Amino acid sequence: MLKQRIDSFGFAFKGLFDLIKTQTNARIHLVAAVFVLVLGFYFKITTTEWCLCIFAISSVLAAEALNTALEFLTDLVSPDYHVLAGKTKDVAAAGVLITAIGAAIVGLLIFLPKFLLILT
């Protein structure tokens, strides 16, 4: 039982590395996440703001992982073009877009006032 739990973490990390290795957008999201983390330390954001940033970052990365999994599965079951396969991929990508827009709004609400204080 313990070995199965340990193995499951190994599979999850393998999936994470596959995600980063194969998906350009996942790497872009990671760069954005590092940027947000640096800004968080620079501006000494509150615990609540950290929680919102971490939730936003993890939501976008999780959405990207789910989108990638759906793309892989769709390619497996429908190697030839099919309109529904295309719609599946498009809707999964829309989920990432919605999550990323929400994360960007969180970032703006947290960091824009701090940037404006510097400018004034």
PDB file of N, CA and C in Angstrom:
ATOM      1  N   MET A   1       0.823  -1.197   0.000  1.00  0.00           N
ATOM      2  CA  MET A   1       0.000   0.000   0.000  1.00  0.00           C
ATOM      3  C   MET A   1       0.867   1.261   0.000  1.00  0.00           C
ATOM      4  N   LEU A   2       1.890   1.316   0.853  1.00  0.00           N
ATOM      5  CA  LEU A   2       2.770   2.472   0.902  1.00  0.00           C
ATOM      6  C   LEU A   2       3.526   2.627  -0.412  1.00  0.00           C
ATOM      7  N   LYS A   3       3.982   1.518  -0.972  1.00  0.00           N
ATOM      8  CA  LYS A   3       4.700   1.575  -2.242  1.00  0.00           C
ATOM      9  C   LYS A   3       3.804   2.148  -3.344  1.00  0.00           C
ATOM     10  N   GLN A   4       2.521   1.785  -3.347  1.00  0.00           N
ATOM     11  CA  GLN A   4       1.591   2.309  -4.346  1.00  0.00           C
ATOM     12  C   GLN A   4       1.423   3.822  -4.192  1.00  0.00           C
ATOM     13  N   ARG A   5       1.365   4.300  -2.952  1.00  0.00           N
ATOM     14  CA  ARG A   5       1.244   5.745  -2.711  1.00  0.00           C
ATOM     15  C   ARG A   5       2.495   6.463  -3.206  1.00  0.00           C
ATOM     16  N   ILE A   6       3.657   5.914  -2.902  1.00  0.00           N
ATOM     17  CA  ILE A   6       4.914   6.519  -3.347  1.00  0.00           C
ATOM     18  C   ILE A   6       4.987   6.504  -4.870  1.00  0.00           C
ATOM     19  N   ASP A   7       4.600   5.374  -5.473  1.00  0.00           N
ATOM     20  CA  ASP A   7       4.599   5.275  -6.930  1.00  0.00           C
ATOM     21  C   ASP A   7       3.664   6.313  -7.555  1.00  0.00           C
ATOM     22  N   SER A   8       2.514   6.554  -6.919  1.00  0.00           N
ATOM     23  CA  SER A   8       1.562   7.514  -7.478  1.00  0.00           C
ATOM     24  C   SER A   8       2.153   8.923  -7.511  1.00  0.00           C
ATOM     25  N   PHE A   9       2.957   9.267  -6.494  1.00  0.00           N
ATOM     26  CA  PHE A   9       3.648  10.559  -6.530  1.00  0.00           C
ATOM     27  C   PHE A   9       4.655  10.592  -7.669  1.00  0.00           C
ATOM     28  N   GLY A  10       5.339   9.491  -7.881  1.00  0.00           N
ATOM     29  CA  GLY A  10       6.289   9.405  -8.989  1.00  0.00           C
ATOM     30  C   GLY A  10       5.613   9.622 -10.333  1.00  0.00           C
ATOM     31  N   PHE A  11       4.430   9.000 -10.514  1.00  0.00           N
ATOM     32  CA  PHE A  11       3.686   9.180 -11.759  1.00  0.00           C
ATOM     33  C   PHE A  11       3.249  10.635 -11.920  1.00  0.00           C
ATOM     34  N   ALA A  12       2.824  11.243 -10.827  1.00  0.00           N
ATOM     35  CA  ALA A  12       2.387  12.638 -10.880  1.00  0.00           C
ATOM     36  C   ALA A  12       3.549  13.559 -11.261  1.00  0.00           C
ATOM     37  N   PHE A  13       4.728  13.327 -10.679  1.00  0.00           N
ATOM     38  CA  PHE A  13       5.887  14.143 -11.035  1.00  0.00           C
ATOM     39  C   PHE A  13       6.323  13.891 -12.474  1.00  0.00           C
ATOM     40  N   LYS A  14       6.204  12.640 -12.938  1.00  0.00           N
ATOM     41  CA  LYS A  14       6.501  12.345 -14.327  1.00  0.00           C
ATOM     42  C   LYS A  14       5.572  13.137 -15.230  1.00  0.00           C
ATOM     43  N   GLY A  15       4.288  13.178 -14.884  1.00  0.00           N
ATOM     44  CA  GLY A  15       3.325  13.963 -15.650  1.00  0.00           C
ATOM     45  C   GLY A  15       3.662  15.443 -15.638  1.00  0.00           C
ATOM     46  N   LEU A  16       4.092  15.950 -14.486  1.00  0.00           N
ATOM     47  CA  LEU A  16       4.477  17.354 -14.389  1.00  0.00           C
ATOM     48  C   LEU A  16       5.661  17.657 -15.299  1.00  0.00           C
ATOM     49  N   PHE A  17       6.656  16.778 -15.294  1.00  0.00           N
ATOM     50  CA  PHE A  17       7.818  16.985 -16.159  1.00  0.00           C
ATOM     51  C   PHE A  17       7.434  16.870 -17.633  1.00  0.00           C
ATOM     52  N   ASP A  18       6.551  15.930 -17.970  1.00  0.00           N
ATOM     53  CA  ASP A  18       6.064  15.817 -19.355  1.00  0.00           C
ATOM     54  C   ASP A  18       5.332  17.092 -19.769  1.00  0.00           C
ATOM     55  N   LEU A  19       4.529  17.623 -18.871  1.00  0.00           N
ATOM     56  CA  LEU A  19       3.801  18.862 -19.140  1.00  0.00           C
ATOM     57  C   LEU A  19       4.773  19.986 -19.468  1.00  0.00           C
ATOM     58  N   ILE A  20       5.766  20.166 -18.614  1.00  0.00           N
ATOM     59  CA  ILE A  20       6.718  21.261 -18.808  1.00  0.00           C
ATOM     60  C   ILE A  20       7.573  21.033 -20.057  1.00  0.00           C
ATOM     61  N   LYS A  21       7.944  19.788 -20.284  1.00  0.00           N
ATOM     62  CA  LYS A  21       8.814  19.462 -21.420  1.00  0.00           C
ATOM     63  C   LYS A  21       8.095  19.634 -22.753  1.00  0.00           C
ATOM     64  N   THR A  22       6.802  19.306 -22.805  1.00  0.00           N
ATOM     65  CA  THR A  22       6.116  19.257 -24.098  1.00  0.00           C
ATOM     66  C   THR A  22       5.221  20.460 -24.387  1.00  0.00           C
ATOM     67  N   GLN A  23       4.903  21.244 -23.391  1.00  0.00           N
ATOM     68  CA  GLN A  23       3.909  22.305 -23.588  1.00  0.00           C
ATOM     69  C   GLN A  23       4.512  23.692 -23.407  1.00  0.00           C
ATOM     70  N   THR A  24       4.629  24.408 -24.503  1.00  0.00           N
ATOM     71  CA  THR A  24       5.173  25.772 -24.469  1.00  0.00           C
ATOM     72  C   THR A  24       4.358  26.665 -23.543  1.00  0.00           C
ATOM     73  N   ASN A  25       3.034  26.558 -23.610  1.00  0.00           N
ATOM     74  CA  ASN A  25       2.197  27.416 -22.764  1.00  0.00           C
ATOM     75  C   ASN A  25       2.414  27.140 -21.285  1.00  0.00           C
ATOM     76  N   ALA A  26       2.681  25.891 -20.915  1.00  0.00           N
ATOM     77  CA  ALA A  26       2.966  25.578 -19.513  1.00  0.00           C
ATOM     78  C   ALA A  26       4.246  26.277 -19.071  1.00  0.00           C
ATOM     79  N   ARG A  27       5.237  26.306 -19.945  1.00  0.00           N
ATOM     80  CA  ARG A  27       6.490  27.002 -19.606  1.00  0.00           C
ATOM     81  C   ARG A  27       6.252  28.505 -19.491  1.00  0.00           C
ATOM     82  N   ILE A  28       5.405  29.054 -20.352  1.00  0.00           N
ATOM     83  CA  ILE A  28       5.061  30.483 -20.257  1.00  0.00           C
ATOM     84  C   ILE A  28       4.366  30.762 -18.931  1.00  0.00           C
ATOM     85  N   HIS A  29       3.440  29.891 -18.546  1.00  0.00           N
ATOM     86  CA  HIS A  29       2.745  30.061 -17.263  1.00  0.00           C
ATOM     87  C   HIS A  29       3.728  29.970 -16.095  1.00  0.00           C
ATOM     88  N   LEU A  30       4.710  29.091 -16.197  1.00  0.00           N
ATOM     89  CA  LEU A  30       5.720  28.985 -15.129  1.00  0.00           C
ATOM     90  C   LEU A  30       6.561  30.251 -15.025  1.00  0.00           C
ATOM     91  N   VAL A  31       6.928  30.817 -16.158  1.00  0.00           N
ATOM     92  CA  VAL A  31       7.689  32.083 -16.142  1.00  0.00           C
ATOM     93  C   VAL A  31       6.846  33.178 -15.495  1.00  0.00           C
ATOM     94  N   ALA A  32       5.573  33.241 -15.856  1.00  0.00           N
ATOM     95  CA  ALA A  32       4.675  34.227 -15.247  1.00  0.00           C
ATOM     96  C   ALA A  32       4.558  33.991 -13.744  1.00  0.00           C
ATOM     97  N   ALA A  33       4.507  32.736 -13.334  1.00  0.00           N
ATOM     98  CA  ALA A  33       4.412  32.407 -11.902  1.00  0.00           C
ATOM     99  C   ALA A  33       5.650  32.881 -11.157  1.00  0.00           C
ATOM    100  N   VAL A  34       6.824  32.658 -11.729  1.00  0.00           N
ATOM    101  CA  VAL A  34       8.070  33.111 -11.093  1.00  0.00           C
ATOM    102  C   VAL A  34       8.061  34.634 -10.981  1.00  0.00           C
ATOM    103  N   PHE A  35       7.596  35.308 -12.019  1.00  0.00           N
ATOM    104  CA  PHE A  35       7.504  36.771 -12.011  1.00  0.00           C
ATOM    105  C   PHE A  35       6.597  37.240 -10.876  1.00  0.00           C
ATOM    106  N   VAL A  36       5.447  36.585 -10.712  1.00  0.00           N
ATOM    107  CA  VAL A  36       4.512  36.939  -9.637  1.00  0.00           C
ATOM    108  C   VAL A  36       5.154  36.691  -8.275  1.00  0.00           C
ATOM    109  N   LEU A  37       5.856  35.588  -8.128  1.00  0.00           N
ATOM    110  CA  LEU A  37       6.517  35.290  -6.856  1.00  0.00           C
ATOM    111  C   LEU A  37       7.573  36.340  -6.525  1.00  0.00           C
ATOM    112  N   VAL A  38       8.345  36.747  -7.518  1.00  0.00           N
ATOM    113  CA  VAL A  38       9.356  37.790  -7.304  1.00  0.00           C
ATOM    114  C   VAL A  38       8.682  39.093  -6.890  1.00  0.00           C
ATOM    115  N   LEU A  39       7.608  39.461  -7.598  1.00  0.00           N
ATOM    116  CA  LEU A  39       6.877  40.678  -7.230  1.00  0.00           C
ATOM    117  C   LEU A  39       6.310  40.579  -5.817  1.00  0.00           C
ATOM    118  N   GLY A  40       5.818  39.403  -5.463  1.00  0.00           N
ATOM    119  CA  GLY A  40       5.273  39.211  -4.118  1.00  0.00           C
ATOM    120  C   GLY A  40       6.308  39.469  -3.041  1.00  0.00           C
ATOM    121  N   PHE A  41       7.523  38.949  -3.246  1.00  0.00           N
ATOM    122  CA  PHE A  41       8.587  39.195  -2.272  1.00  0.00           C
ATOM    123  C   PHE A  41       9.020  40.663  -2.285  1.00  0.00           C
ATOM    124  N   TYR A  42       9.094  41.245  -3.470  1.00  0.00           N
ATOM    125  CA  TYR A  42       9.513  42.642  -3.584  1.00  0.00           C
ATOM    126  C   TYR A  42       8.539  43.568  -2.857  1.00  0.00           C
ATOM    127  N   PHE A  43       7.247  43.357  -3.069  1.00  0.00           N
ATOM    128  CA  PHE A  43       6.238  44.228  -2.469  1.00  0.00           C
ATOM    129  C   PHE A  43       5.810  43.780  -1.076  1.00  0.00           C
ATOM    130  N   LYS A  44       6.364  42.665  -0.595  1.00  0.00           N
ATOM    131  CA  LYS A  44       6.018  42.159   0.739  1.00  0.00           C
ATOM    132  C   LYS A  44       4.494  42.059   0.895  1.00  0.00           C
ATOM    133  N   ILE A  45       3.873  41.294  -0.006  1.00  0.00           N
ATOM    134  CA  ILE A  45       2.417  41.175   0.017  1.00  0.00           C
ATOM    135  C   ILE A  45       1.961  40.429   1.272  1.00  0.00           C
ATOM    136  N   THR A  46       0.717  40.628   1.619  1.00  0.00           N
ATOM    137  CA  THR A  46       0.151  40.041   2.835  1.00  0.00           C
ATOM    138  C   THR A  46      -0.059  38.531   2.660  1.00  0.00           C
ATOM    139  N   THR A  47      -0.318  37.868   3.761  1.00  0.00           N
ATOM    140  CA  THR A  47      -0.611  36.429   3.709  1.00  0.00           C
ATOM    141  C   THR A  47      -1.825  36.147   2.833  1.00  0.00           C
ATOM    142  N   THR A  48      -2.846  36.963   2.953  1.00  0.00           N
ATOM    143  CA  THR A  48      -4.040  36.785   2.119  1.00  0.00           C
ATOM    144  C   THR A  48      -3.699  36.962   0.650  1.00  0.00           C
ATOM    145  N   GLU A  49      -2.899  37.967   0.328  1.00  0.00           N
ATOM    146  CA  GLU A  49      -2.491  38.175  -1.064  1.00  0.00           C
ATOM    147  C   GLU A  49      -1.650  37.005  -1.569  1.00  0.00           C
ATOM    148  N   TRP A  50      -0.785  36.459  -0.698  1.00  0.00           N
ATOM    149  CA  TRP A  50      -0.010  35.268  -1.077  1.00  0.00           C
ATOM    150  C   TRP A  50      -0.943  34.109  -1.392  1.00  0.00           C
ATOM    151  N   CYS A  51      -1.938  33.922  -0.540  1.00  0.00           N
ATOM    152  CA  CYS A  51      -2.889  32.828  -0.756  1.00  0.00           C
ATOM    153  C   CYS A  51      -3.598  32.986  -2.104  1.00  0.00           C
ATOM    154  N   LEU A  52      -4.020  34.195  -2.416  1.00  0.00           N
ATOM    155  CA  LEU A  52      -4.688  34.440  -3.698  1.00  0.00           C
ATOM    156  C   LEU A  52      -3.749  34.194  -4.872  1.00  0.00           C
ATOM    157  N   CYS A  53      -2.509  34.643  -4.751  1.00  0.00           N
ATOM    158  CA  CYS A  53      -1.529  34.432  -5.831  1.00  0.00           C
ATOM    159  C   CYS A  53      -1.233  32.950  -6.025  1.00  0.00           C
ATOM    160  N   ILE A  54      -1.002  32.236  -4.938  1.00  0.00           N
ATOM    161  CA  ILE A  54      -0.701  30.800  -5.032  1.00  0.00           C
ATOM    162  C   ILE A  54      -1.899  30.047  -5.601  1.00  0.00           C
ATOM    163  N   PHE A  55      -3.100  30.410  -5.179  1.00  0.00           N
ATOM    164  CA  PHE A  55      -4.295  29.762  -5.721  1.00  0.00           C
ATOM    165  C   PHE A  55      -4.431  30.038  -7.214  1.00  0.00           C
ATOM    166  N   ALA A  56      -4.188  31.280  -7.618  1.00  0.00           N
ATOM    167  CA  ALA A  56      -4.283  31.637  -9.037  1.00  0.00           C
ATOM    168  C   ALA A  56      -3.240  30.881  -9.856  1.00  0.00           C
ATOM    169  N   ILE A  57      -2.001  30.850  -9.372  1.00  0.00           N
ATOM    170  CA  ILE A  57      -0.929  30.155 -10.082  1.00  0.00           C
ATOM    171  C   ILE A  57      -1.247  28.666 -10.204  1.00  0.00           C
ATOM    172  N   SER A  58      -1.620  28.053  -9.098  1.00  0.00           N
ATOM    173  CA  SER A  58      -1.887  26.613  -9.131  1.00  0.00           C
ATOM    174  C   SER A  58      -3.109  26.294  -9.984  1.00  0.00           C
ATOM    175  N   SER A  59      -4.088  27.174 -10.008  1.00  0.00           N
ATOM    176  CA  SER A  59      -5.276  26.952 -10.846  1.00  0.00           C
ATOM    177  C   SER A  59      -4.923  26.973 -12.331  1.00  0.00           C
ATOM    178  N   VAL A  60      -4.106  27.930 -12.722  1.00  0.00           N
ATOM    179  CA  VAL A  60      -3.713  28.017 -14.129  1.00  0.00           C
ATOM    180  C   VAL A  60      -2.884  26.800 -14.528  1.00  0.00           C
ATOM    181  N   LEU A  61      -1.936  26.410 -13.687  1.00  0.00           N
ATOM    182  CA  LEU A  61      -1.107  25.250 -14.019  1.00  0.00           C
ATOM    183  C   LEU A  61      -1.937  23.960 -14.040  1.00  0.00           C
ATOM    184  N   ALA A  62      -2.883  23.837 -13.120  1.00  0.00           N
ATOM    185  CA  ALA A  62      -3.753  22.663 -13.115  1.00  0.00           C
ATOM    186  C   ALA A  62      -4.637  22.650 -14.362  1.00  0.00           C
ATOM    187  N   ALA A  63      -5.169  23.803 -14.745  1.00  0.00           N
ATOM    188  CA  ALA A  63      -5.984  23.873 -15.961  1.00  0.00           C
ATOM    189  C   ALA A  63      -5.151  23.500 -17.183  1.00  0.00           C
ATOM    190  N   GLU A  64      -3.916  23.965 -17.224  1.00  0.00           N
ATOM    191  CA  GLU A  64      -3.027  23.621 -18.335  1.00  0.00           C
ATOM    192  C   GLU A  64      -2.754  22.117 -18.360  1.00  0.00           C
ATOM    193  N   ALA A  65      -2.569  21.510 -17.206  1.00  0.00           N
ATOM    194  CA  ALA A  65      -2.333  20.067 -17.138  1.00  0.00           C
ATOM    195  C   ALA A  65      -3.565  19.296 -17.613  1.00  0.00           C
ATOM    196  N   LEU A  66      -4.748  19.698 -17.170  1.00  0.00           N
ATOM    197  CA  LEU A  66      -5.970  19.027 -17.602  1.00  0.00           C
ATOM    198  C   LEU A  66      -6.200  19.208 -19.102  1.00  0.00           C
ATOM    199  N   ASN A  67      -5.923  20.397 -19.611  1.00  0.00           N
ATOM    200  CA  ASN A  67      -6.040  20.653 -21.042  1.00  0.00           C
ATOM    201  C   ASN A  67      -5.102  19.737 -21.824  1.00  0.00           C
ATOM    202  N   THR A  68      -3.876  19.618 -21.356  1.00  0.00           N
ATOM    203  CA  THR A  68      -2.899  18.760 -22.032  1.00  0.00           C
ATOM    204  C   THR A  68      -3.327  17.306 -21.992  1.00  0.00           C
ATOM    205  N   ALA A  69      -3.833  16.866 -20.847  1.00  0.00           N
ATOM    206  CA  ALA A  69      -4.307  15.481 -20.738  1.00  0.00           C
ATOM    207  C   ALA A  69      -5.447  15.221 -21.718  1.00  0.00           C
ATOM    208  N   LEU A  70      -6.373  16.160 -21.828  1.00  0.00           N
ATOM    209  CA  LEU A  70      -7.474  15.998 -22.781  1.00  0.00           C
ATOM    210  C   LEU A  70      -6.968  15.994 -24.218  1.00  0.00           C
ATOM    211  N   GLU A  71      -5.970  16.827 -24.511  1.00  0.00           N
ATOM    212  CA  GLU A  71      -5.399  16.839 -25.861  1.00  0.00           C
ATOM    213  C   GLU A  71      -4.733  15.503 -26.172  1.00  0.00           C
ATOM    214  N   PHE A  72      -3.952  14.972 -25.233  1.00  0.00           N
ATOM    215  CA  PHE A  72      -3.303  13.675 -25.446  1.00  0.00           C
ATOM    216  C   PHE A  72      -4.346  12.578 -25.667  1.00  0.00           C
ATOM    217  N   LEU A  73      -5.370  12.562 -24.822  1.00  0.00           N
ATOM    218  CA  LEU A  73      -6.401  11.545 -24.932  1.00  0.00           C
ATOM    219  C   LEU A  73      -7.173  11.686 -26.247  1.00  0.00           C
ATOM    220  N   THR A  74      -7.497  12.907 -26.622  1.00  0.00           N
ATOM    221  CA  THR A  74      -8.211  13.152 -27.874  1.00  0.00           C
ATOM    222  C   THR A  74      -7.388  12.678 -29.067  1.00  0.00           C
ATOM    223  N   ASP A  75      -6.088  12.961 -29.049  1.00  0.00           N
ATOM    224  CA  ASP A  75      -5.221  12.499 -30.131  1.00  0.00           C
ATOM    225  C   ASP A  75      -5.155  10.972 -30.186  1.00  0.00           C
ATOM    226  N   LEU A  76      -5.228  10.326 -29.027  1.00  0.00           N
ATOM    227  CA  LEU A  76      -5.199   8.862 -28.983  1.00  0.00           C
ATOM    228  C   LEU A  76      -6.459   8.260 -29.597  1.00  0.00           C
ATOM    229  N   VAL A  77      -7.622   8.773 -29.202  1.00  0.00           N
ATOM    230  CA  VAL A  77      -8.877   8.155 -29.644  1.00  0.00           C
ATOM    231  C   VAL A  77      -9.340   8.665 -31.001  1.00  0.00           C
ATOM    232  N   SER A  78      -8.804   9.809 -31.430  1.00  0.00           N
ATOM    233  CA  SER A  78      -9.210  10.366 -32.714  1.00  0.00           C
ATOM    234  C   SER A  78      -7.985  10.885 -33.454  1.00  0.00           C
ATOM    235  N   PRO A  79      -7.127   9.970 -33.958  1.00  0.00           N
ATOM    236  CA  PRO A  79      -5.908  10.417 -34.639  1.00  0.00           C
ATOM    237  C   PRO A  79      -6.202  11.196 -35.925  1.00  0.00           C
ATOM    238  N   ASP A  80      -7.324  10.903 -36.574  1.00  0.00           N
ATOM    239  CA  ASP A  80      -7.739  11.671 -37.749  1.00  0.00           C
ATOM    240  C   ASP A  80      -8.612  12.830 -37.283  1.00  0.00           C
ATOM    241  N   TYR A  81      -8.690  13.848 -38.126  1.00  0.00           N
ATOM    242  CA  TYR A  81      -9.501  15.008 -37.749  1.00  0.00           C
ATOM    243  C   TYR A  81     -10.968  14.607 -37.606  1.00  0.00           C
ATOM    244  N   HIS A  82     -11.552  15.105 -36.545  1.00  0.00           N
ATOM    245  CA  HIS A  82     -12.992  14.970 -36.326  1.00  0.00           C
ATOM    246  C   HIS A  82     -13.460  16.260 -35.682  1.00  0.00           C
ATOM    247  N   VAL A  83     -14.608  16.763 -36.123  1.00  0.00           N
ATOM    248  CA  VAL A  83     -15.100  18.039 -35.620  1.00  0.00           C
ATOM    249  C   VAL A  83     -15.256  18.023 -34.100  1.00  0.00           C
ATOM    250  N   LEU A  84     -15.715  16.915 -33.531  1.00  0.00           N
ATOM    251  CA  LEU A  84     -15.892  16.854 -32.077  1.00  0.00           C
ATOM    252  C   LEU A  84     -14.552  16.811 -31.346  1.00  0.00           C
ATOM    253  N   ALA A  85     -13.553  16.193 -31.958  1.00  0.00           N
ATOM    254  CA  ALA A  85     -12.218  16.206 -31.360  1.00  0.00           C
ATOM    255  C   ALA A  85     -11.691  17.633 -31.316  1.00  0.00           C
ATOM    256  N   GLY A  86     -11.915  18.375 -32.388  1.00  0.00           N
ATOM    257  CA  GLY A  86     -11.505  19.777 -32.418  1.00  0.00           C
ATOM    258  C   GLY A  86     -12.224  20.607 -31.372  1.00  0.00           C
ATOM    259  N   LYS A  87     -13.527  20.369 -31.240  1.00  0.00           N
ATOM    260  CA  LYS A  87     -14.296  21.101 -30.226  1.00  0.00           C
ATOM    261  C   LYS A  87     -13.824  20.754 -28.815  1.00  0.00           C
ATOM    262  N   THR A  88     -13.493  19.483 -28.590  1.00  0.00           N
ATOM    263  CA  THR A  88     -12.986  19.065 -27.283  1.00  0.00           C
ATOM    264  C   THR A  88     -11.723  19.846 -26.930  1.00  0.00           C
ATOM    265  N   LYS A  89     -10.807  19.918 -27.879  1.00  0.00           N
ATOM    266  CA  LYS A  89      -9.554  20.641 -27.637  1.00  0.00           C
ATOM    267  C   LYS A  89      -9.803  22.134 -27.443  1.00  0.00           C
ATOM    268  N   ASP A  90     -10.709  22.689 -28.245  1.00  0.00           N
ATOM    269  CA  ASP A  90     -11.000  24.123 -28.131  1.00  0.00           C
ATOM    270  C   ASP A  90     -11.615  24.473 -26.781  1.00  0.00           C
ATOM    271  N   VAL A  91     -12.550  23.659 -26.326  1.00  0.00           N
ATOM    272  CA  VAL A  91     -13.203  23.937 -25.039  1.00  0.00           C
ATOM    273  C   VAL A  91     -12.216  23.761 -23.888  1.00  0.00           C
ATOM    274  N   ALA A  92     -11.347  22.754 -23.975  1.00  0.00           N
ATOM    275  CA  ALA A  92     -10.327  22.569 -22.936  1.00  0.00           C
ATOM    276  C   ALA A  92      -9.382  23.773 -22.910  1.00  0.00           C
ATOM    277  N   ALA A  93      -9.011  24.262 -24.083  1.00  0.00           N
ATOM    278  CA  ALA A  93      -8.153  25.455 -24.146  1.00  0.00           C
ATOM    279  C   ALA A  93      -8.880  26.674 -23.589  1.00  0.00           C
ATOM    280  N   ALA A  94     -10.183  26.755 -23.816  1.00  0.00           N
ATOM    281  CA  ALA A  94     -10.968  27.860 -23.261  1.00  0.00           C
ATOM    282  C   ALA A  94     -10.933  27.831 -21.737  1.00  0.00           C
ATOM    283  N   GLY A  95     -10.932  26.635 -21.164  1.00  0.00           N
ATOM    284  CA  GLY A  95     -10.827  26.522 -19.711  1.00  0.00           C
ATOM    285  C   GLY A  95      -9.535  27.121 -19.186  1.00  0.00           C
ATOM    286  N   VAL A  96      -8.450  26.885 -19.902  1.00  0.00           N
ATOM    287  CA  VAL A  96      -7.169  27.486 -19.514  1.00  0.00           C
ATOM    288  C   VAL A  96      -7.243  29.000 -19.653  1.00  0.00           C
ATOM    289  N   LEU A  97      -7.813  29.463 -20.762  1.00  0.00           N
ATOM    290  CA  LEU A  97      -7.924  30.905 -20.998  1.00  0.00           C
ATOM    291  C   LEU A  97      -8.736  31.588 -19.895  1.00  0.00           C
ATOM    292  N   ILE A  98      -9.857  31.000 -19.540  1.00  0.00           N
ATOM    293  CA  ILE A  98     -10.697  31.571 -18.482  1.00  0.00           C
ATOM    294  C   ILE A  98      -9.926  31.644 -17.164  1.00  0.00           C
ATOM    295  N   THR A  99      -9.221  30.570 -16.845  1.00  0.00           N
ATOM    296  CA  THR A  99      -8.440  30.540 -15.603  1.00  0.00           C
ATOM    297  C   THR A  99      -7.316  31.568 -15.643  1.00  0.00           C
ATOM    298  N   ALA A 100      -6.640  31.677 -16.780  1.00  0.00           N
ATOM    299  CA  ALA A 100      -5.537  32.628 -16.905  1.00  0.00           C
ATOM    300  C   ALA A 100      -6.037  34.074 -16.804  1.00  0.00           C
ATOM    301  N   ILE A 101      -7.186  34.358 -17.391  1.00  0.00           N
ATOM    302  CA  ILE A 101      -7.761  35.706 -17.281  1.00  0.00           C
ATOM    303  C   ILE A 101      -8.102  36.007 -15.823  1.00  0.00           C
ATOM    304  N   GLY A 102      -8.695  35.037 -15.135  1.00  0.00           N
ATOM    305  CA  GLY A 102      -8.993  35.228 -13.713  1.00  0.00           C
ATOM    306  C   GLY A 102      -7.729  35.476 -12.905  1.00  0.00           C
ATOM    307  N   ALA A 103      -6.670  34.725 -13.203  1.00  0.00           N
ATOM    308  CA  ALA A 103      -5.396  34.910 -12.495  1.00  0.00           C
ATOM    309  C   ALA A 103      -4.807  36.284 -12.791  1.00  0.00           C
ATOM    310  N   ALA A 104      -4.916  36.727 -14.027  1.00  0.00           N
ATOM    311  CA  ALA A 104      -4.401  38.055 -14.386  1.00  0.00           C
ATOM    312  C   ALA A 104      -5.157  39.150 -13.641  1.00  0.00           C
ATOM    313  N   ILE A 105      -6.456  38.977 -13.500  1.00  0.00           N
ATOM    314  CA  ILE A 105      -7.252  39.956 -12.756  1.00  0.00           C
ATOM    315  C   ILE A 105      -6.832  39.980 -11.290  1.00  0.00           C
ATOM    316  N   VAL A 106      -6.626  38.807 -10.709  1.00  0.00           N
ATOM    317  CA  VAL A 106      -6.133  38.742  -9.323  1.00  0.00           C
ATOM    318  C   VAL A 106      -4.804  39.491  -9.220  1.00  0.00           C
ATOM    319  N   GLY A 107      -3.907  39.217 -10.167  1.00  0.00           N
ATOM    320  CA  GLY A 107      -2.608  39.896 -10.161  1.00  0.00           C
ATOM    321  C   GLY A 107      -2.739  41.402 -10.269  1.00  0.00           C
ATOM    322  N   LEU A 108      -3.607  41.866 -11.143  1.00  0.00           N
ATOM    323  CA  LEU A 108      -3.814  43.312 -11.284  1.00  0.00           C
ATOM    324  C   LEU A 108      -4.380  43.919 -10.005  1.00  0.00           C
ATOM    325  N   LEU A 109      -5.343  43.239  -9.392  1.00  0.00           N
ATOM    326  CA  LEU A 109      -5.940  43.772  -8.161  1.00  0.00           C
ATOM    327  C   LEU A 109      -4.925  43.859  -7.024  1.00  0.00           C
ATOM    328  N   ILE A 110      -3.980  42.921  -7.011  1.00  0.00           N
ATOM    329  CA  ILE A 110      -2.979  42.915  -5.949  1.00  0.00           C
ATOM    330  C   ILE A 110      -1.834  43.876  -6.248  1.00  0.00           C
ATOM    331  N   PHE A 111      -1.317  43.831  -7.471  1.00  0.00           N
ATOM    332  CA  PHE A 111      -0.068  44.535  -7.763  1.00  0.00           C
ATOM    333  C   PHE A 111      -0.236  45.931  -8.369  1.00  0.00           C
ATOM    334  N   LEU A 112      -1.311  46.187  -9.083  1.00  0.00           N
ATOM    335  CA  LEU A 112      -1.476  47.500  -9.698  1.00  0.00           C
ATOM    336  C   LEU A 112      -1.458  48.632  -8.668  1.00  0.00           C
ATOM    337  N   PRO A 113      -2.191  48.521  -7.557  1.00  0.00           N
ATOM    338  CA  PRO A 113      -2.111  49.605  -6.565  1.00  0.00           C
ATOM    339  C   PRO A 113      -0.692  49.807  -6.020  1.00  0.00           C
ATOM    340  N   LYS A 114       0.065  48.731  -5.897  1.00  0.00           N
ATOM    341  CA  LYS A 114       1.434  48.833  -5.385  1.00  0.00           C
ATOM    342  C   LYS A 114       2.339  49.530  -6.400  1.00  0.00           C
ATOM    343  N   PHE A 115       2.147  49.251  -7.693  1.00  0.00           N
ATOM    344  CA  PHE A 115       2.900  49.947  -8.741  1.00  0.00           C
ATOM    345  C   PHE A 115       2.524  51.423  -8.784  1.00  0.00           C
ATOM    346  N   LEU A 116       1.240  51.703  -8.620  1.00  0.00           N
ATOM    347  CA  LEU A 116       0.774  53.098  -8.664  1.00  0.00           C
ATOM    348  C   LEU A 116       1.338  53.906  -7.501  1.00  0.00           C
ATOM    349  N   LEU A 117       1.515  53.275  -6.342  1.00  0.00           N
ATOM    350  CA  LEU A 117       2.136  53.975  -5.209  1.00  0.00           C
ATOM    351  C   LEU A 117       3.569  54.360  -5.511  1.00  0.00           C
ATOM    352  N   ILE A 118       4.274  53.510  -6.227  1.00  0.00           N
ATOM    353  CA  ILE A 118       5.658  53.804  -6.609  1.00  0.00           C
ATOM    354  C   ILE A 118       5.705  54.981  -7.567  1.00  0.00           C
ATOM    355  N   LEU A 119       4.744  55.039  -8.478  1.00  0.00           N
ATOM    356  CA  LEU A 119       4.720  56.082  -9.525  1.00  0.00           C
ATOM    357  C   LEU A 119       4.296  57.454  -8.978  1.00  0.00           C
ATOM    358  N   THR A 120       3.619  57.454  -7.830  1.00  0.00           N
ATOM    359  CA  THR A 120       3.137  58.753  -7.312  1.00  0.00           C
ATOM    360  C   THR A 120       4.060  59.305  -6.270  1.00  0.00           C
TER     361      THR A 120
END
